[in-house]
PDB file of N, CA and C in Angstrom:
ATOM      1  N   MET A   1       2.857  13.726  -7.519  1.00  0.00           N
ATOM      2  CA  MET A   1       2.684  12.666  -6.555  1.00  0.00           C
ATOM      3  C   MET A   1       2.657  11.342  -7.320  1.00  0.00           C
ATOM      4  N   PHE A   2       3.133  10.291  -6.642  1.00  0.00           N
ATOM      5  CA  PHE A   2       3.198   8.956  -7.232  1.00  0.00           C
ATOM      6  C   PHE A   2       2.594   7.949  -6.265  1.00  0.00           C
ATOM      7  N   ALA A   3       2.122   6.833  -6.804  1.00  0.00           N
ATOM      8  CA  ALA A   3       1.497   5.803  -5.979  1.00  0.00           C
ATOM      9  C   ALA A   3       2.036   4.433  -6.353  1.00  0.00           C
ATOM     10  N   ARG A   4       2.214   3.612  -5.333  1.00  0.00           N
ATOM     11  CA  ARG A   4       2.509   2.201  -5.560  1.00  0.00           C
ATOM     12  C   ARG A   4       1.277   1.442  -5.080  1.00  0.00           C
ATOM     13  N   VAL A   5       0.711   0.628  -5.966  1.00  0.00           N
ATOM     14  CA  VAL A   5      -0.502  -0.131  -5.654  1.00  0.00           C
ATOM     15  C   VAL A   5      -0.176  -1.610  -5.813  1.00  0.00           C
ATOM     16  N   ALA A   6      -0.457  -2.362  -4.758  1.00  0.00           N
ATOM     17  CA  ALA A   6      -0.212  -3.808  -4.795  1.00  0.00           C
ATOM     18  C   ALA A   6      -1.510  -4.537  -4.482  1.00  0.00           C
ATOM     19  N   ARG A   7      -1.674  -5.683  -5.124  1.00  0.00           N
ATOM     20  CA  ARG A   7      -2.869  -6.511  -4.912  1.00  0.00           C
ATOM     21  C   ARG A   7      -2.432  -7.870  -4.393  1.00  0.00           C
ATOM     22  N   TYR A   8      -3.154  -8.364  -3.412  1.00  0.00           N
ATOM     23  CA  TYR A   8      -2.844  -9.631  -2.757  1.00  0.00           C
ATOM     24  C   TYR A   8      -4.096 -10.491  -2.743  1.00  0.00           C
ATOM     25  N   GLU A   9      -3.898 -11.803  -2.688  1.00  0.00           N
ATOM     26  CA  GLU A   9      -5.007 -12.719  -2.469  1.00  0.00           C
ATOM     27  C   GLU A   9      -4.766 -13.419  -1.143  1.00  0.00           C
ATOM     28  N   VAL A  10      -5.819 -13.470  -0.322  1.00  0.00           N
ATOM     29  CA  VAL A  10      -5.767 -14.062   1.009  1.00  0.00           C
ATOM     30  C   VAL A  10      -7.060 -14.847   1.186  1.00  0.00           C
ATOM     31  N   ALA A  11      -6.987 -15.980   1.872  1.00  0.00           N
ATOM     32  CA  ALA A  11      -8.210 -16.734   2.150  1.00  0.00           C
ATOM     33  C   ALA A  11      -9.159 -15.830   2.937  1.00  0.00           C
ATOM     34  N   PRO A  12     -10.419 -15.711   2.503  1.00  0.00           N
ATOM     35  CA  PRO A  12     -11.356 -14.811   3.178  1.00  0.00           C
ATOM     36  C   PRO A  12     -11.432 -15.015   4.688  1.00  0.00           C
ATOM     37  N   GLU A  13     -11.306 -16.259   5.153  1.00  0.00           N
ATOM     38  CA  GLU A  13     -11.384 -16.503   6.591  1.00  0.00           C
ATOM     39  C   GLU A  13     -10.145 -16.016   7.348  1.00  0.00           C
ATOM     40  N   ARG A  14      -9.103 -15.611   6.617  1.00  0.00           N
ATOM     41  CA  ARG A  14      -7.883 -15.100   7.256  1.00  0.00           C
ATOM     42  C   ARG A  14      -7.727 -13.592   7.080  1.00  0.00           C
ATOM     43  N   LEU A  15      -8.780 -12.935   6.615  1.00  0.00           N
ATOM     44  CA  LEU A  15      -8.689 -11.509   6.320  1.00  0.00           C
ATOM     45  C   LEU A  15      -8.386 -10.668   7.555  1.00  0.00           C
ATOM     46  N   ASP A  16      -8.954 -11.007   8.702  1.00  0.00           N
ATOM     47  CA  ASP A  16      -8.641 -10.256   9.923  1.00  0.00           C
ATOM     48  C   ASP A  16      -7.164 -10.393  10.279  1.00  0.00           C
ATOM     49  N   GLU A  17      -6.628 -11.597  10.143  1.00  0.00           N
ATOM     50  CA  GLU A  17      -5.194 -11.813  10.379  1.00  0.00           C
ATOM     51  C   GLU A  17      -4.362 -11.002   9.389  1.00  0.00           C
ATOM     52  N   ALA A  18      -4.814 -10.983   8.144  1.00  0.00           N
ATOM     53  CA  ALA A  18      -4.092 -10.238   7.114  1.00  0.00           C
ATOM     54  C   ALA A  18      -4.078  -8.749   7.438  1.00  0.00           C
ATOM     55  N   THR A  19      -5.207  -8.241   7.902  1.00  0.00           N
ATOM     56  CA  THR A  19      -5.280  -6.823   8.267  1.00  0.00           C
ATOM     57  C   THR A  19      -4.258  -6.514   9.356  1.00  0.00           C
ATOM     58  N   ASP A  20      -4.179  -7.380  10.359  1.00  0.00           N
ATOM     59  CA  ASP A  20      -3.198  -7.186  11.432  1.00  0.00           C
ATOM     60  C   ASP A  20      -1.772  -7.252  10.902  1.00  0.00           C
ATOM     61  N   ALA A  21      -1.496  -8.200  10.002  1.00  0.00           N
ATOM     62  CA  ALA A  21      -0.157  -8.341   9.435  1.00  0.00           C
ATOM     63  C   ALA A  21       0.234  -7.099   8.644  1.00  0.00           C
ATOM     64  N   PHE A  22      -0.693  -6.583   7.849  1.00  0.00           N
ATOM     65  CA  PHE A  22      -0.391  -5.386   7.059  1.00  0.00           C
ATOM     66  C   PHE A  22      -0.229  -4.163   7.961  1.00  0.00           C
ATOM     67  N   ARG A  23      -0.991  -4.098   9.022  1.00  0.00           N
ATOM     68  CA  ARG A  23      -0.857  -2.985   9.968  1.00  0.00           C
ATOM     69  C   ARG A  23       0.552  -3.004  10.578  1.00  0.00           C
ATOM     70  N   ARG A  24       1.038  -4.191  10.942  1.00  0.00           N
ATOM     71  CA  ARG A  24       2.381  -4.300  11.546  1.00  0.00           C
ATOM     72  C   ARG A  24       3.470  -3.884  10.560  1.00  0.00           C
ATOM     73  N   VAL A  25       3.415  -4.403   9.330  1.00  0.00           N
ATOM     74  CA  VAL A  25       4.492  -4.077   8.389  1.00  0.00           C
ATOM     75  C   VAL A  25       4.395  -2.634   7.898  1.00  0.00           C
ATOM     76  N   ALA A  26       3.193  -2.087   7.865  1.00  0.00           N
ATOM     77  CA  ALA A  26       3.040  -0.685   7.441  1.00  0.00           C
ATOM     78  C   ALA A  26       3.787   0.244   8.387  1.00  0.00           C
ATOM     79  N   GLY A  27       3.822  -0.103   9.656  1.00  0.00           N
ATOM     80  CA  GLY A  27       4.547   0.710  10.626  1.00  0.00           C
ATOM     81  C   GLY A  27       6.026   0.816  10.313  1.00  0.00           C
ATOM     82  N   GLU A  28       6.560  -0.187   9.633  1.00  0.00           N
ATOM     83  CA  GLU A  28       7.979  -0.170   9.274  1.00  0.00           C
ATOM     84  C   GLU A  28       8.279   0.798   8.137  1.00  0.00           C
ATOM     85  N   LEU A  29       7.259   1.235   7.416  1.00  0.00           N
ATOM     86  CA  LEU A  29       7.458   2.225   6.343  1.00  0.00           C
ATOM     87  C   LEU A  29       7.395   3.651   6.862  1.00  0.00           C
ATOM     88  N   GLU A  30       6.785   3.830   8.025  1.00  0.00           N
ATOM     89  CA  GLU A  30       6.654   5.185   8.564  1.00  0.00           C
ATOM     90  C   GLU A  30       8.037   5.808   8.727  1.00  0.00           C
ATOM     91  N   GLY A  31       8.146   7.036   8.325  1.00  0.00           N
ATOM     92  CA  GLY A  31       9.411   7.746   8.428  1.00  0.00           C
ATOM     93  C   GLY A  31      10.300   7.605   7.210  1.00  0.00           C
ATOM     94  N   VAL A  32       9.917   6.774   6.237  1.00  0.00           N
ATOM     95  CA  VAL A  32      10.713   6.649   5.014  1.00  0.00           C
ATOM     96  C   VAL A  32      10.607   7.960   4.253  1.00  0.00           C
ATOM     97  N   GLU A  33      11.746   8.473   3.846  1.00  0.00           N
ATOM     98  CA  GLU A  33      11.773   9.768   3.160  1.00  0.00           C
ATOM     99  C   GLU A  33      10.899   9.754   1.908  1.00  0.00           C
ATOM    100  N   GLY A  34      10.052  10.759   1.787  1.00  0.00           N
ATOM    101  CA  GLY A  34       9.201  10.909   0.619  1.00  0.00           C
ATOM    102  C   GLY A  34       7.837  10.252   0.730  1.00  0.00           C
ATOM    103  N   LEU A  35       7.607   9.452   1.783  1.00  0.00           N
ATOM    104  CA  LEU A  35       6.308   8.805   1.960  1.00  0.00           C
ATOM    105  C   LEU A  35       5.288   9.821   2.449  1.00  0.00           C
ATOM    106  N   LEU A  36       4.185   9.950   1.720  1.00  0.00           N
ATOM    107  CA  LEU A  36       3.122  10.878   2.101  1.00  0.00           C
ATOM    108  C   LEU A  36       2.031  10.192   2.913  1.00  0.00           C
ATOM    109  N   GLY A  37       1.895   8.890   2.758  1.00  0.00           N
ATOM    110  CA  GLY A  37       0.855   8.142   3.469  1.00  0.00           C
ATOM    111  C   GLY A  37       0.444   6.952   2.640  1.00  0.00           C
ATOM    112  N   GLY A  38      -0.619   6.299   3.085  1.00  0.00           N
ATOM    113  CA  GLY A  38      -1.075   5.150   2.330  1.00  0.00           C
ATOM    114  C   GLY A  38      -2.320   4.538   2.929  1.00  0.00           C
ATOM    115  N   TYR A  39      -2.786   3.491   2.275  1.00  0.00           N
ATOM    116  CA  TYR A  39      -4.014   2.810   2.670  1.00  0.00           C
ATOM    117  C   TYR A  39      -3.856   1.311   2.439  1.00  0.00           C
ATOM    118  N   VAL A  40      -4.554   0.530   3.249  1.00  0.00           N
ATOM    119  CA  VAL A  40      -4.726  -0.896   2.992  1.00  0.00           C
ATOM    120  C   VAL A  40      -6.223  -1.102   2.858  1.00  0.00           C
ATOM    121  N   LEU A  41      -6.633  -1.718   1.755  1.00  0.00           N
ATOM    122  CA  LEU A  41      -8.045  -1.900   1.432  1.00  0.00           C
ATOM    123  C   LEU A  41      -8.354  -3.390   1.379  1.00  0.00           C
ATOM    124  N   THR A  42      -9.547  -3.780   1.817  1.00  0.00           N
ATOM    125  CA  THR A  42      -9.897  -5.201   1.799  1.00  0.00           C
ATOM    126  C   THR A  42     -11.277  -5.429   1.195  1.00  0.00           C
ATOM    127  N   ASP A  43     -11.444  -6.610   0.622  1.00  0.00           N
ATOM    128  CA  ASP A  43     -12.730  -7.101   0.154  1.00  0.00           C
ATOM    129  C   ASP A  43     -12.925  -8.438   0.859  1.00  0.00           C
ATOM    130  N   ALA A  44     -13.701  -8.429   1.940  1.00  0.00           N
ATOM    131  CA  ALA A  44     -13.862  -9.614   2.778  1.00  0.00           C
ATOM    132  C   ALA A  44     -14.520 -10.768   2.033  1.00  0.00           C
ATOM    133  N   GLU A  45     -15.368 -10.475   1.105  1.00  0.00           N
ATOM    134  CA  GLU A  45     -16.080 -11.524   0.378  1.00  0.00           C
ATOM    135  C   GLU A  45     -15.151 -12.332  -0.526  1.00  0.00           C
ATOM    136  N   ASP A  46     -14.230 -11.644  -1.186  1.00  0.00           N
ATOM    137  CA  ASP A  46     -13.358 -12.312  -2.151  1.00  0.00           C
ATOM    138  C   ASP A  46     -11.942 -12.558  -1.643  1.00  0.00           C
ATOM    139  N   GLY A  47     -11.609 -12.075  -0.444  1.00  0.00           N
ATOM    140  CA  GLY A  47     -10.266 -12.269   0.088  1.00  0.00           C
ATOM    141  C   GLY A  47      -9.210 -11.466  -0.639  1.00  0.00           C
ATOM    142  N   ILE A  48      -9.586 -10.293  -1.080  1.00  0.00           N
ATOM    143  CA  ILE A  48      -8.644  -9.424  -1.790  1.00  0.00           C
ATOM    144  C   ILE A  48      -8.170  -8.327  -0.841  1.00  0.00           C
ATOM    145  N   VAL A  49      -6.877  -8.098  -0.854  1.00  0.00           N
ATOM    146  CA  VAL A  49      -6.269  -7.006  -0.101  1.00  0.00           C
ATOM    147  C   VAL A  49      -5.502  -6.175  -1.110  1.00  0.00           C
ATOM    148  N   MET A  50      -5.598  -4.859  -0.987  1.00  0.00           N
ATOM    149  CA  MET A  50      -4.796  -3.967  -1.814  1.00  0.00           C
ATOM    150  C   MET A  50      -4.122  -2.966  -0.893  1.00  0.00           C
ATOM    151  N   SER A  51      -2.907  -2.606  -1.245  1.00  0.00           N
ATOM    152  CA  SER A  51      -2.229  -1.536  -0.520  1.00  0.00           C
ATOM    153  C   SER A  51      -1.880  -0.440  -1.513  1.00  0.00           C
ATOM    154  N   MET A  52      -1.944   0.781  -1.034  1.00  0.00           N
ATOM    155  CA  MET A  52      -1.575   1.923  -1.862  1.00  0.00           C
ATOM    156  C   MET A  52      -0.752   2.869  -1.002  1.00  0.00           C
ATOM    157  N   THR A  53       0.467   3.141  -1.429  1.00  0.00           N
ATOM    158  CA  THR A  53       1.286   4.137  -0.759  1.00  0.00           C
ATOM    159  C   THR A  53       1.469   5.319  -1.700  1.00  0.00           C
ATOM    160  N   LEU A  54       1.497   6.501  -1.121  1.00  0.00           N
ATOM    161  CA  LEU A  54       1.637   7.738  -1.891  1.00  0.00           C
ATOM    162  C   LEU A  54       3.000   8.356  -1.595  1.00  0.00           C
ATOM    163  N   TRP A  55       3.642   8.840  -2.654  1.00  0.00           N
ATOM    164  CA  TRP A  55       5.020   9.323  -2.564  1.00  0.00           C
ATOM    165  C   TRP A  55       5.155  10.723  -3.150  1.00  0.00           C
ATOM    166  N   GLU A  56       6.049  11.507  -2.574  1.00  0.00           N
ATOM    167  CA  GLU A  56       6.306  12.875  -3.059  1.00  0.00           C
ATOM    168  C   GLU A  56       6.821  12.862  -4.487  1.00  0.00           C
ATOM    169  N   ASN A  57       7.694  11.914  -4.800  1.00  0.00           N
ATOM    170  CA  ASN A  57       8.296  11.874  -6.131  1.00  0.00           C
ATOM    171  C   ASN A  57       8.673  10.439  -6.495  1.00  0.00           C
ATOM    172  N   ARG A  58       8.945  10.232  -7.752  1.00  0.00           N
ATOM    173  CA  ARG A  58       9.258   8.894  -8.258  1.00  0.00           C
ATOM    174  C   ARG A  58      10.541   8.356  -7.625  1.00  0.00           C
ATOM    175  N   THR A  59      11.523   9.206  -7.421  1.00  0.00           N
ATOM    176  CA  THR A  59      12.794   8.764  -6.844  1.00  0.00           C
ATOM    177  C   THR A  59      12.584   8.153  -5.467  1.00  0.00           C
ATOM    178  N   ALA A  60      11.814   8.819  -4.624  1.00  0.00           N
ATOM    179  CA  ALA A  60      11.548   8.297  -3.278  1.00  0.00           C
ATOM    180  C   ALA A  60      10.826   6.957  -3.363  1.00  0.00           C
ATOM    181  N   MET A  61       9.849   6.855  -4.255  1.00  0.00           N
ATOM    182  CA  MET A  61       9.102   5.613  -4.412  1.00  0.00           C
ATOM    183  C   MET A  61      10.033   4.482  -4.858  1.00  0.00           C
ATOM    184  N   GLU A  62      10.875   4.755  -5.833  1.00  0.00           N
ATOM    185  CA  GLU A  62      11.783   3.735  -6.343  1.00  0.00           C
ATOM    186  C   GLU A  62      12.821   3.332  -5.304  1.00  0.00           C
ATOM    187  N   GLN A  63      13.316   4.296  -4.521  1.00  0.00           N
ATOM    188  CA  GLN A  63      14.310   3.977  -3.504  1.00  0.00           C
ATOM    189  C   GLN A  63      13.740   3.132  -2.381  1.00  0.00           C
ATOM    190  N   SER A  64      12.428   3.155  -2.191  1.00  0.00           N
ATOM    191  CA  SER A  64      11.794   2.368  -1.138  1.00  0.00           C
ATOM    192  C   SER A  64      11.413   0.965  -1.602  1.00  0.00           C
ATOM    193  N   GLU A  65      11.592   0.663  -2.877  1.00  0.00           N
ATOM    194  CA  GLU A  65      11.051  -0.577  -3.440  1.00  0.00           C
ATOM    195  C   GLU A  65      11.607  -1.843  -2.799  1.00  0.00           C
ATOM    196  N   VAL A  66      12.892  -1.911  -2.520  1.00  0.00           N
ATOM    197  CA  VAL A  66      13.460  -3.124  -1.936  1.00  0.00           C
ATOM    198  C   VAL A  66      12.830  -3.382  -0.568  1.00  0.00           C
ATOM    199  N   GLN A  67      12.761  -2.348   0.262  1.00  0.00           N
ATOM    200  CA  GLN A  67      12.149  -2.489   1.583  1.00  0.00           C
ATOM    201  C   GLN A  67      10.664  -2.841   1.453  1.00  0.00           C
ATOM    202  N   ALA A  68       9.950  -2.132   0.579  1.00  0.00           N
ATOM    203  CA  ALA A  68       8.519  -2.369   0.405  1.00  0.00           C
ATOM    204  C   ALA A  68       8.245  -3.779  -0.111  1.00  0.00           C
ATOM    205  N   SER A  69       9.062  -4.266  -1.011  1.00  0.00           N
ATOM    206  CA  SER A  69       8.887  -5.612  -1.540  1.00  0.00           C
ATOM    207  C   SER A  69       9.013  -6.651  -0.434  1.00  0.00           C
ATOM    208  N   GLY A  70      10.002  -6.496   0.406  1.00  0.00           N
ATOM    209  CA  GLY A  70      10.181  -7.414   1.523  1.00  0.00           C
ATOM    210  C   GLY A  70       9.003  -7.390   2.476  1.00  0.00           C
ATOM    211  N   LEU A  71       8.488  -6.192   2.752  1.00  0.00           N
ATOM    212  CA  LEU A  71       7.343  -6.058   3.655  1.00  0.00           C
ATOM    213  C   LEU A  71       6.086  -6.666   3.046  1.00  0.00           C
ATOM    214  N   ARG A  72       5.878  -6.485   1.741  1.00  0.00           N
ATOM    215  CA  ARG A  72       4.728  -7.098   1.059  1.00  0.00           C
ATOM    216  C   ARG A  72       4.779  -8.616   1.191  1.00  0.00           C
ATOM    217  N   GLN A  73       5.940  -9.173   0.880  1.00  0.00           N
ATOM    218  CA  GLN A  73       6.101 -10.627   0.946  1.00  0.00           C
ATOM    219  C   GLN A  73       5.888 -11.140   2.369  1.00  0.00           C
ATOM    220  N   GLN A  74       6.434 -10.414   3.331  1.00  0.00           N
ATOM    221  CA  GLN A  74       6.316 -10.805   4.736  1.00  0.00           C
ATOM    222  C   GLN A  74       4.856 -10.846   5.175  1.00  0.00           C
ATOM    223  N   ALA A  75       4.112  -9.788   4.884  1.00  0.00           N
ATOM    224  CA  ALA A  75       2.706  -9.721   5.298  1.00  0.00           C
ATOM    225  C   ALA A  75       1.885 -10.816   4.632  1.00  0.00           C
ATOM    226  N   ALA A  76       2.082 -11.027   3.338  1.00  0.00           N
ATOM    227  CA  ALA A  76       1.314 -12.043   2.619  1.00  0.00           C
ATOM    228  C   ALA A  76       1.651 -13.441   3.129  1.00  0.00           C
ATOM    229  N   LYS A  77       2.922 -13.702   3.347  1.00  0.00           N
ATOM    230  CA  LYS A  77       3.358 -15.023   3.791  1.00  0.00           C
ATOM    231  C   LYS A  77       2.788 -15.370   5.170  1.00  0.00           C
ATOM    232  N   GLN A  78       2.685 -14.373   6.051  1.00  0.00           N
ATOM    233  CA  GLN A  78       2.191 -14.613   7.415  1.00  0.00           C
ATOM    234  C   GLN A  78       0.790 -15.211   7.424  1.00  0.00           C
ATOM    235  N   VAL A  79       0.021 -14.971   6.373  1.00  0.00           N
ATOM    236  CA  VAL A  79      -1.367 -15.457   6.341  1.00  0.00           C
ATOM    237  C   VAL A  79      -1.620 -16.404   5.167  1.00  0.00           C
ATOM    238  N   GLY A  80      -0.553 -16.954   4.611  1.00  0.00           N
ATOM    239  CA  GLY A  80      -0.701 -17.891   3.515  1.00  0.00           C
ATOM    240  C   GLY A  80      -1.229 -17.268   2.241  1.00  0.00           C
ATOM    241  N   GLY A  81      -1.032 -15.958   2.098  1.00  0.00           N
ATOM    242  CA  GLY A  81      -1.509 -15.252   0.914  1.00  0.00           C
ATOM    243  C   GLY A  81      -0.415 -15.087  -0.125  1.00  0.00           C
ATOM    244  N   SER A  82      -0.731 -14.387  -1.187  1.00  0.00           N
ATOM    245  CA  SER A  82       0.248 -14.149  -2.243  1.00  0.00           C
ATOM    246  C   SER A  82       0.110 -12.737  -2.786  1.00  0.00           C
ATOM    247  N   VAL A  83       1.234 -12.218  -3.281  1.00  0.00           N
ATOM    248  CA  VAL A  83       1.253 -10.930  -3.965  1.00  0.00           C
ATOM    249  C   VAL A  83       0.881 -11.210  -5.416  1.00  0.00           C
ATOM    250  N   VAL A  84      -0.199 -10.607  -5.883  1.00  0.00           N
ATOM    251  CA  VAL A  84      -0.685 -10.849  -7.243  1.00  0.00           C
ATOM    252  C   VAL A  84      -0.056  -9.872  -8.232  1.00  0.00           C
ATOM    253  N   SER A  85       0.027  -8.596  -7.838  1.00  0.00           N
ATOM    254  CA  SER A  85       0.580  -7.591  -8.748  1.00  0.00           C
ATOM    255  C   SER A  85       1.039  -6.372  -7.968  1.00  0.00           C
ATOM    256  N   VAL A  86       1.971  -5.634  -8.569  1.00  0.00           N
ATOM    257  CA  VAL A  86       2.467  -4.378  -7.999  1.00  0.00           C
ATOM    258  C   VAL A  86       2.627  -3.404  -9.167  1.00  0.00           C
ATOM    259  N   HIS A  87       2.112  -2.190  -8.979  1.00  0.00           N
ATOM    260  CA  HIS A  87       2.211  -1.165 -10.023  1.00  0.00           C
ATOM    261  C   HIS A  87       2.717   0.135  -9.416  1.00  0.00           C
ATOM    262  N   GLN A  88       3.582   0.824 -10.155  1.00  0.00           N
ATOM    263  CA  GLN A  88       4.036   2.154  -9.774  1.00  0.00           C
ATOM    264  C   GLN A  88       3.403   3.124 -10.754  1.00  0.00           C
ATOM    265  N   LEU A  89       2.646   4.078 -10.223  1.00  0.00           N
ATOM    266  CA  LEU A  89       1.794   4.919 -11.057  1.00  0.00           C
ATOM    267  C   LEU A  89       1.979   6.399 -10.765  1.00  0.00           C
ATOM    268  N   ASP A  90       1.768   7.222 -11.781  1.00  0.00           N
ATOM    269  CA  ASP A  90       1.686   8.671 -11.607  1.00  0.00           C
ATOM    270  C   ASP A  90       0.276   8.994 -11.144  1.00  0.00           C
ATOM    271  N   VAL A  91       0.142   9.835 -10.132  1.00  0.00           N
ATOM    272  CA  VAL A  91      -1.177  10.309  -9.715  1.00  0.00           C
ATOM    273  C   VAL A  91      -1.486  11.526 -10.584  1.00  0.00           C
ATOM    274  N   VAL A  92      -2.510  11.411 -11.427  1.00  0.00           N
ATOM    275  CA  VAL A  92      -2.793  12.482 -12.379  1.00  0.00           C
ATOM    276  C   VAL A  92      -4.052  13.273 -12.041  1.00  0.00           C
ATOM    277  N   VAL A  93      -4.938  12.707 -11.227  1.00  0.00           N
ATOM    278  CA  VAL A  93      -6.145  13.412 -10.794  1.00  0.00           C
ATOM    279  C   VAL A  93      -6.349  13.087  -9.328  1.00  0.00           C
ATOM    280  N   GLU A  94      -6.595  14.107  -8.537  1.00  0.00           N
ATOM    281  CA  GLU A  94      -6.878  13.914  -7.129  1.00  0.00           C
ATOM    282  C   GLU A  94      -8.364  14.227  -6.917  1.00  0.00           C
ATOM    283  N   ILE A  95      -9.107  13.231  -6.510  1.00  0.00           N
ATOM    284  CA  ILE A  95     -10.558  13.376  -6.328  1.00  0.00           C
ATOM    285  C   ILE A  95     -10.836  13.881  -4.929  1.00  0.00           C
ATOM    286  N   GLY A  96     -11.687  14.871  -4.834  1.00  0.00           N
ATOM    287  CA  GLY A  96     -12.056  15.406  -3.529  1.00  0.00           C
ATOM    288  C   GLY A  96     -11.032  16.354  -2.944  1.00  0.00           C
ATOM    289  N   ALA A  97     -10.034  16.705  -3.720  1.00  0.00           N
ATOM    290  CA  ALA A  97      -9.021  17.642  -3.230  1.00  0.00           C
ATOM    291  C   ALA A  97      -9.625  19.030  -3.092  1.00  0.00           C
ATOM    292  N   THR A  98      -9.241  19.689  -2.064  1.00  0.00           N
ATOM    293  CA  THR A  98      -9.703  21.066  -1.900  1.00  0.00           C
ATOM    294  C   THR A  98      -8.557  22.017  -2.175  1.00  0.00           C
ATOM    295  N   THR A  99      -8.860  23.056  -2.852  1.00  0.00           N
ATOM    296  CA  THR A  99      -7.885  24.076  -3.153  1.00  0.00           C
ATOM    297  C   THR A  99      -8.156  25.274  -2.256  1.00  0.00           C
ATOM    298  N   PRO A 100      -7.134  25.769  -1.536  1.00  0.00           N
ATOM    299  CA  PRO A 100      -7.358  26.924  -0.666  1.00  0.00           C
ATOM    300  C   PRO A 100      -7.904  28.100  -1.475  1.00  0.00           C
ATOM    301  N   SER A 101      -8.884  28.783  -0.919  1.00  0.00           N
ATOM    302  CA  SER A 101      -9.412  29.957  -1.621  1.00  0.00           C
ATOM    303  C   SER A 101      -8.443  31.109  -1.469  1.00  0.00           C
ATOM    304  N   ARG A 102      -8.422  31.945  -2.465  1.00  0.00           N
ATOM    305  CA  ARG A 102      -7.518  33.121  -2.438  1.00  0.00           C
ATOM    306  C   ARG A 102      -8.350  34.345  -2.104  1.00  0.00           C
ATOM    307  N   ALA A 103      -7.920  35.024  -1.095  1.00  0.00           N
ATOM    308  CA  ALA A 103      -8.670  36.215  -0.646  1.00  0.00           C
ATOM    309  C   ALA A 103      -8.296  37.425  -1.451  1.00  0.00           C
TER     310      ALA A 103
END
């Protein structure tokens, strides 16, 4: 599994707007081949937004980059925010994962 993690800065007073903007653009990723899911995380005190999408494989993640980049820029721009960083990472440990028991 692979993850793309992006960090954004948004004025704290616009965080609710940012959440709505990210919710709208996230819908445009649904159905992209290889997407397993994702999260948008916020820190209301500091105006930080992070997004994390999870991918079946590196190829799927890389093939989605042009679309994802446009969506990141769109969401940040709608609320006067900026994209601070984007990282493509290997998921090497899954915390809280349950393994089916073998009978």
